[in-house]
Amino acid sequence: MTSDSLDQRAPAAPRADRIPLGMLYMVLATVMFAISTALSKWQVAGYSFDEVLFFRALASLVTCSLLILPRTGPAVFHTKRLRDHLGRGATQAVAQSLIVIALGLMPLAGAVAINFSSPLFAALFAALWLGERVGPARTFALIAGFAGVLLVAAPGADSFRLGALAALGNAVLLGCVTAAVRGMSSTESVETLTMYQMIFLTAFFALALPLFGFVWPSNGDLGAMLINGVFNVFGQYWWTRALWLAPAAAVGPFYYFSLVWALLLGFVFWGDVPGLGLLGGSAIVVGSGMFLLWYESNRKRIKKVVEKKQ
C-alpha cells in the first residue's frame, strides 16, 4: 500500500473523481487477485472451499489491522451504514464462494474469463442505483470487453456446466458489490470499507465451517493459505481504492487484466495452453481497457474538439 493510501481517514471527505489513478489501482489489484486465485485453485483441490476462504479472510483481516489501525485508530469503525457493510459482506462472501467452487471445476483462465462479465453488471447496477452516466465510449468499451469474454468462453453446451454457472453467478454478485462500494464510498473511507469487509467475510466463513467441513492443514498448506490472504488483502484494498477514486464503468474494464495473469499462471502451473479463442478474446478485453484509459485521460480535450466541430 502506498503512503497516500494510508493517509485517508474515516470518515471520508467528499472527493472528485481521479479516474487515471483509479485505473492504476485496479490494474495493481488484478495482479494480487490473480496470484490469490491461483493459490485458491491449488488449495481447493485438497480442502473445502470454505476452509480455503476462511484462512484467506483471516490472514487478510490481520494484515489490514496491522496496516490500517495504527494510522486511523478506532475512528476507522465509525459508520452510519453498518447495515450496508453487512449486506456487502454477505454478498461478497457468496460471490467468493462461487468463484472458488468454479476454480475447482474448470481451468483457471476459463473461470476468470467468465467472471469478466462483472464490469458489465457493475455498470448496469451503477446506472440503476447511483444514476451514473455510462456514456457512448464507456458503453463501447464494456460491450467490446464482454464480446471478448464470449470469445474466450466459447459459449456452447459446455458453458452450462456447474463450474461455468458458478463463475457467472460470481460475476453477477461481484457487479452488484462493485456498484454498492461505489455508492458507499461517498461517505465511507477506503480503510472503513476494507476493515468491515474483512471482518464480515472472516465471520461468515467461520460460521460456515461446520457446514462444509474442516481439516487442519499441514504446515506448508497453512502457510500458503495465509500468504494467499496477504495477496488478497492488497488486491481488495486496491480494488476498493479504485472504486473510491473513479466510477465503476471507468475502472471496471481494467479488471480484465486479470485474464493476462491467469493465462500465464495457468500455463506455468497447470500446463494450460491457450487456444486462438482465448488469445483473441484476451486481446479484445485488454484492448477495450486500453481504449478506455486513453479516452478517460483525454476526455476533456476530446469534448472540446467535438464542441468546436459542432
Protein backbone atom coordinates (compact mmCIF):
# COMPACT_ATOMS: atom_id res chain seq x y z
CA MET A 1 0.00 0.00 0.00
CA THR A 2 1.23 3.49 -0.70
CA SER A 3 1.63 6.15 1.94
CA ASP A 4 -1.02 8.37 0.41
CA SER A 5 -3.45 5.42 0.51
CA LEU A 6 -3.00 5.02 4.23
CA ASP A 7 -3.31 8.74 4.85
CA GLN A 8 -7.05 8.58 4.12
CA ARG A 9 -9.03 8.88 7.33
CA ALA A 10 -12.53 7.82 8.32
CA PRO A 11 -14.96 9.30 7.69
CA ALA A 12 -14.12 10.14 4.12
CA ALA A 13 -14.33 13.68 2.86
CA PRO A 14 -16.15 14.47 -0.38
CA ARG A 15 -13.80 13.91 -3.29
CA ALA A 16 -13.59 14.48 -7.01
CA ASP A 17 -13.14 11.57 -9.39
CA ARG A 18 -9.50 10.76 -10.18
CA ILE A 19 -10.04 8.31 -12.99
CA PRO A 20 -6.49 7.57 -14.25
CA LEU A 21 -5.28 6.88 -10.69
CA GLY A 22 -8.31 4.67 -10.10
CA MET A 23 -7.41 2.69 -13.20
CA LEU A 24 -3.85 2.19 -11.93
CA TYR A 25 -5.09 0.85 -8.62
CA MET A 26 -7.40 -1.55 -10.43
CA VAL A 27 -4.53 -2.95 -12.52
CA LEU A 28 -2.44 -3.44 -9.39
CA ALA A 29 -5.39 -5.18 -7.76
CA THR A 30 -5.64 -7.62 -10.67
CA VAL A 31 -2.07 -8.79 -10.13
CA MET A 32 -2.80 -9.54 -6.49
CA PHE A 33 -6.11 -11.21 -7.33
CA ALA A 34 -4.53 -13.42 -9.99
CA ILE A 35 -1.93 -14.77 -7.58
CA SER A 36 -4.56 -15.25 -4.88
CA THR A 37 -6.89 -17.01 -7.32
CA ALA A 38 -4.14 -19.39 -8.45
CA LEU A 39 -3.33 -20.23 -4.83
CA SER A 40 -7.03 -20.83 -4.14
CA LYS A 41 -7.33 -23.18 -7.12
CA TRP A 42 -4.37 -25.19 -5.84
CA GLN A 43 -5.69 -25.32 -2.26
CA VAL A 44 -9.31 -26.18 -3.06
CA ALA A 45 -8.13 -29.49 -4.53
CA GLY A 46 -7.38 -30.72 -1.01
CA TYR A 47 -9.60 -28.63 1.28
CA SER A 48 -13.18 -27.37 1.33
CA PHE A 49 -13.75 -24.06 -0.43
CA ASP A 50 -14.99 -22.55 2.84
CA GLU A 51 -11.83 -23.52 4.73
CA VAL A 52 -9.65 -22.00 2.00
CA LEU A 53 -11.69 -18.81 2.11
CA PHE A 54 -11.71 -18.69 5.92
CA PHE A 55 -7.93 -18.77 6.26
CA ARG A 56 -7.58 -16.32 3.39
CA ALA A 57 -10.03 -13.90 5.02
CA LEU A 58 -8.43 -14.32 8.46
CA ALA A 59 -4.95 -13.52 7.14
CA SER A 60 -6.40 -10.58 5.22
CA LEU A 61 -8.08 -9.24 8.35
CA VAL A 62 -4.87 -9.47 10.39
CA THR A 63 -2.87 -7.78 7.61
CA CYS A 64 -5.45 -4.99 7.30
CA SER A 65 -5.47 -4.42 11.03
CA LEU A 66 -1.68 -4.14 11.21
CA LEU A 67 -1.50 -1.69 8.32
CA ILE A 68 -4.60 0.42 8.94
CA LEU A 69 -5.36 0.57 12.66
CA PRO A 70 -2.05 2.18 13.75
CA ARG A 71 -2.80 5.06 11.37
CA THR A 72 -6.53 5.50 11.94
CA GLY A 73 -7.23 4.09 15.39
CA PRO A 74 -10.83 3.27 16.42
CA ALA A 75 -12.13 6.06 14.15
CA VAL A 76 -11.98 3.66 11.21
CA PHE A 77 -15.02 1.83 12.63
CA HIS A 78 -17.20 4.94 12.84
CA THR A 79 -20.04 4.45 10.38
CA LYS A 80 -23.73 5.10 9.98
CA ARG A 81 -24.01 2.40 7.31
CA LEU A 82 -23.39 -0.78 9.26
CA ARG A 83 -26.31 -2.50 7.53
CA ASP A 84 -24.80 -1.67 4.13
CA HIS A 85 -21.43 -3.10 5.23
CA LEU A 86 -23.17 -6.25 6.43
CA GLY A 87 -25.05 -6.63 3.15
CA ARG A 88 -21.90 -6.04 1.14
CA GLY A 89 -20.02 -8.63 3.23
CA ALA A 90 -22.74 -11.26 2.84
CA THR A 91 -22.97 -10.72 -0.92
CA GLN A 92 -19.22 -10.85 -1.35
CA ALA A 93 -18.96 -14.00 0.78
CA VAL A 94 -21.36 -15.79 -1.58
CA ALA A 95 -19.54 -14.37 -4.63
CA GLN A 96 -16.14 -15.54 -3.39
CA SER A 97 -17.56 -18.98 -2.58
CA LEU A 98 -18.91 -19.33 -6.11
CA ILE A 99 -15.64 -18.40 -7.81
CA VAL A 100 -13.59 -20.79 -5.66
CA ILE A 101 -16.10 -23.57 -6.40
CA ALA A 102 -15.71 -22.75 -10.10
CA LEU A 103 -11.91 -22.92 -9.80
CA GLY A 104 -12.21 -26.47 -8.52
CA LEU A 105 -14.29 -27.49 -11.54
CA MET A 106 -12.68 -25.77 -14.54
CA PRO A 107 -9.40 -24.26 -15.81
CA LEU A 108 -8.13 -21.06 -14.18
CA ALA A 109 -8.35 -18.86 -17.30
CA GLY A 110 -11.85 -20.12 -18.15
CA ALA A 111 -13.22 -19.23 -14.72
CA VAL A 112 -11.53 -15.83 -14.79
CA ALA A 113 -12.82 -15.14 -18.32
CA ILE A 114 -16.45 -15.85 -17.41
CA ASN A 115 -16.02 -13.70 -14.33
CA PHE A 116 -15.13 -10.80 -16.61
CA SER A 117 -18.77 -10.11 -17.31
CA SER A 118 -18.87 -8.50 -13.84
CA PRO A 119 -17.97 -4.96 -15.07
CA LEU A 120 -20.98 -5.09 -17.39
CA PHE A 121 -23.26 -5.91 -14.45
CA ALA A 122 -21.47 -3.28 -12.35
CA ALA A 123 -22.14 -0.59 -14.95
CA LEU A 124 -25.77 -1.69 -15.13
CA PHE A 125 -26.23 -1.62 -11.34
CA ALA A 126 -24.39 1.71 -11.06
CA ALA A 127 -26.73 3.22 -13.66
CA LEU A 128 -29.81 1.84 -11.90
CA TRP A 129 -28.83 2.62 -8.30
CA LEU A 130 -26.39 5.52 -8.49
CA GLY A 131 -27.54 7.35 -11.61
CA GLU A 132 -24.05 7.26 -13.14
CA ARG A 133 -23.91 8.10 -16.82
CA VAL A 134 -22.13 5.37 -18.75
CA GLY A 135 -21.72 7.32 -21.99
CA PRO A 136 -21.04 6.05 -25.53
CA ALA A 137 -17.28 5.49 -25.13
CA ARG A 138 -17.64 3.53 -21.88
CA THR A 139 -20.55 1.59 -23.37
CA PHE A 140 -18.41 0.67 -26.37
CA ALA A 141 -15.54 -0.47 -24.14
CA LEU A 142 -17.87 -2.56 -21.96
CA ILE A 143 -19.60 -4.22 -24.92
CA ALA A 144 -16.29 -4.90 -26.66
CA GLY A 145 -14.86 -6.36 -23.48
CA PHE A 146 -17.86 -8.60 -22.98
CA ALA A 147 -17.63 -9.75 -26.62
CA GLY A 148 -14.06 -10.75 -25.89
CA VAL A 149 -15.25 -12.69 -22.87
CA LEU A 150 -17.75 -14.57 -25.04
CA LEU A 151 -14.96 -15.42 -27.47
CA VAL A 152 -12.82 -16.74 -24.64
CA ALA A 153 -15.63 -18.74 -23.08
CA ALA A 154 -16.73 -20.15 -26.47
CA PRO A 155 -20.42 -20.48 -25.45
CA GLY A 156 -21.97 -23.85 -26.13
CA ALA A 157 -23.11 -26.92 -24.27
CA ASP A 158 -20.02 -26.92 -22.05
CA SER A 159 -20.77 -23.38 -20.91
CA PHE A 160 -23.65 -24.66 -18.83
CA ARG A 161 -21.54 -26.89 -16.65
CA LEU A 162 -21.76 -26.30 -12.93
CA GLY A 163 -18.38 -24.57 -12.85
CA ALA A 164 -19.35 -22.09 -15.55
CA LEU A 165 -22.64 -21.32 -13.83
CA ALA A 166 -20.84 -20.75 -10.53
CA ALA A 167 -18.39 -18.38 -12.25
CA LEU A 168 -21.28 -16.49 -13.87
CA GLY A 169 -23.10 -16.25 -10.55
CA ASN A 170 -19.98 -14.75 -9.03
CA ALA A 171 -19.82 -12.21 -11.87
CA VAL A 172 -23.38 -11.03 -11.23
CA LEU A 173 -22.80 -10.69 -7.49
CA LEU A 174 -19.43 -9.01 -7.98
CA GLY A 175 -21.08 -6.48 -10.28
CA CYS A 176 -23.62 -5.79 -7.55
CA VAL A 177 -20.87 -5.37 -4.93
CA THR A 178 -18.89 -3.08 -7.22
CA ALA A 179 -21.83 -0.71 -7.61
CA ALA A 180 -22.56 -0.88 -3.87
CA VAL A 181 -18.97 0.02 -2.96
CA ARG A 182 -19.04 2.95 -5.34
CA GLY A 183 -22.20 4.23 -3.63
CA MET A 184 -20.86 3.66 -0.12
CA SER A 185 -17.58 5.41 -0.95
CA SER A 186 -19.40 8.75 -0.92
CA THR A 187 -19.48 8.56 2.90
CA GLU A 188 -17.02 5.80 3.82
CA SER A 189 -13.21 5.85 3.58
CA VAL A 190 -11.25 3.11 1.85
CA GLU A 191 -10.00 1.96 5.25
CA THR A 192 -13.51 1.71 6.70
CA LEU A 193 -14.77 -0.20 3.67
CA THR A 194 -11.84 -2.59 3.77
CA MET A 195 -11.90 -3.27 7.53
CA TYR A 196 -15.62 -4.01 7.64
CA GLN A 197 -15.31 -6.17 4.55
CA MET A 198 -12.61 -8.34 6.11
CA ILE A 199 -14.39 -8.56 9.46
CA PHE A 200 -17.66 -9.74 7.94
CA LEU A 201 -16.00 -12.10 5.44
CA THR A 202 -13.99 -13.77 8.21
CA ALA A 203 -17.12 -14.09 10.37
CA PHE A 204 -19.27 -15.53 7.57
CA PHE A 205 -16.69 -18.12 6.50
CA ALA A 206 -16.02 -19.09 10.15
CA LEU A 207 -19.73 -19.66 10.77
CA ALA A 208 -19.94 -21.85 7.66
CA LEU A 209 -17.02 -24.14 8.60
CA PRO A 210 -19.22 -26.75 10.34
CA LEU A 211 -21.40 -26.98 7.24
CA PHE A 212 -18.64 -27.68 4.72
CA GLY A 213 -16.06 -29.50 6.83
CA PHE A 214 -12.73 -28.57 8.36
CA VAL A 215 -9.43 -30.45 8.26
CA TRP A 216 -6.44 -28.83 9.94
CA PRO A 217 -3.98 -28.14 7.09
CA SER A 218 -0.34 -29.16 7.01
CA ASN A 219 2.21 -26.52 7.88
CA GLY A 220 3.02 -25.91 4.22
CA ASP A 221 -0.61 -25.64 3.19
CA LEU A 222 -1.44 -23.41 6.15
CA GLY A 223 1.42 -21.08 5.21
CA ALA A 224 0.17 -20.95 1.61
CA MET A 225 -3.37 -20.16 2.78
CA LEU A 226 -2.12 -17.32 4.97
CA ILE A 227 0.09 -15.95 2.17
CA ASN A 228 -2.99 -16.15 -0.04
CA GLY A 229 -4.72 -13.85 2.42
CA VAL A 230 -1.92 -11.29 2.27
CA PHE A 231 -2.11 -11.11 -1.53
CA ASN A 232 -5.89 -10.98 -1.32
CA VAL A 233 -5.98 -8.06 1.12
CA PHE A 234 -3.74 -5.94 -1.08
CA GLY A 235 -6.00 -6.79 -4.01
CA GLN A 236 -9.16 -5.98 -2.06
CA TYR A 237 -7.73 -2.73 -0.73
CA TRP A 238 -6.53 -1.51 -4.12
CA TRP A 239 -9.79 -2.65 -5.75
CA THR A 240 -11.77 -0.68 -3.16
CA ARG A 241 -9.42 2.27 -3.62
CA ALA A 242 -10.02 2.20 -7.37
CA LEU A 243 -13.79 2.35 -6.87
CA TRP A 244 -13.36 5.14 -4.33
CA LEU A 245 -11.42 7.19 -6.88
CA ALA A 246 -13.49 6.66 -10.05
CA PRO A 247 -16.86 5.47 -11.43
CA ALA A 248 -17.37 1.73 -11.77
CA ALA A 249 -17.86 1.99 -15.54
CA ALA A 250 -14.44 3.66 -15.88
CA VAL A 251 -12.29 1.35 -13.77
CA GLY A 252 -14.30 -1.88 -14.11
CA PRO A 253 -12.92 -2.87 -17.52
CA PHE A 254 -9.39 -2.87 -16.12
CA TYR A 255 -10.35 -5.89 -14.09
CA TYR A 256 -9.91 -7.66 -17.44
CA PHE A 257 -6.15 -7.59 -16.94
CA SER A 258 -6.62 -10.48 -14.51
CA LEU A 259 -7.01 -12.66 -17.59
CA VAL A 260 -3.48 -11.93 -18.75
CA TRP A 261 -2.04 -13.04 -15.42
CA ALA A 262 -4.39 -16.06 -15.31
CA LEU A 263 -3.15 -17.19 -18.72
CA LEU A 264 0.44 -17.03 -17.57
CA LEU A 265 -0.18 -18.76 -14.25
CA GLY A 266 -2.40 -21.42 -15.83
CA PHE A 267 0.31 -22.29 -18.34
CA VAL A 268 3.17 -22.31 -15.83
CA PHE A 269 1.48 -24.32 -13.06
CA TRP A 270 -1.21 -26.41 -14.79
CA GLY A 271 0.11 -26.64 -18.34
CA ASP A 272 -2.99 -24.96 -19.80
CA VAL A 273 -2.14 -24.00 -23.37
CA PRO A 274 -4.30 -21.08 -24.58
CA GLY A 275 -6.16 -21.57 -27.86
CA LEU A 276 -6.87 -18.99 -30.52
CA GLY A 277 -10.22 -18.08 -28.96
CA LEU A 278 -8.62 -17.46 -25.61
CA LEU A 279 -5.81 -15.36 -27.09
CA GLY A 280 -8.17 -13.42 -29.37
CA GLY A 281 -10.62 -12.75 -26.57
CA SER A 282 -7.79 -11.66 -24.30
CA ALA A 283 -6.61 -9.17 -26.91
CA ILE A 284 -10.11 -7.71 -27.19
CA VAL A 285 -10.69 -7.30 -23.47
CA VAL A 286 -7.25 -5.78 -22.88
CA GLY A 287 -7.73 -3.54 -25.92
CA SER A 288 -11.05 -2.30 -24.58
CA GLY A 289 -9.39 -1.40 -21.30
CA MET A 290 -6.56 0.45 -23.04
CA PHE A 291 -9.07 2.35 -25.17
CA LEU A 292 -10.94 3.40 -22.06
CA LEU A 293 -7.70 4.52 -20.42
CA TRP A 294 -6.92 6.71 -23.43
CA TYR A 295 -10.46 8.08 -23.55
CA GLU A 296 -10.69 8.89 -19.84
CA SER A 297 -7.26 10.57 -19.90
CA ASN A 298 -8.21 12.74 -22.87
CA ARG A 299 -11.96 13.11 -22.32
CA LYS A 300 -11.92 16.88 -21.73
CA ARG A 301 -9.75 17.51 -24.78
CA ILE A 302 -11.95 15.26 -26.94
CA LYS A 303 -15.07 17.06 -25.71
CA LYS A 304 -13.60 20.43 -26.66
CA VAL A 305 -12.68 19.18 -30.13
CA VAL A 306 -16.20 17.84 -30.70
CA GLU A 307 -17.78 21.08 -29.48
CA LYS A 308 -15.60 23.12 -31.86
CA LYS A 309 -16.65 20.98 -34.81
CA GLN A 310 -20.31 21.45 -33.91
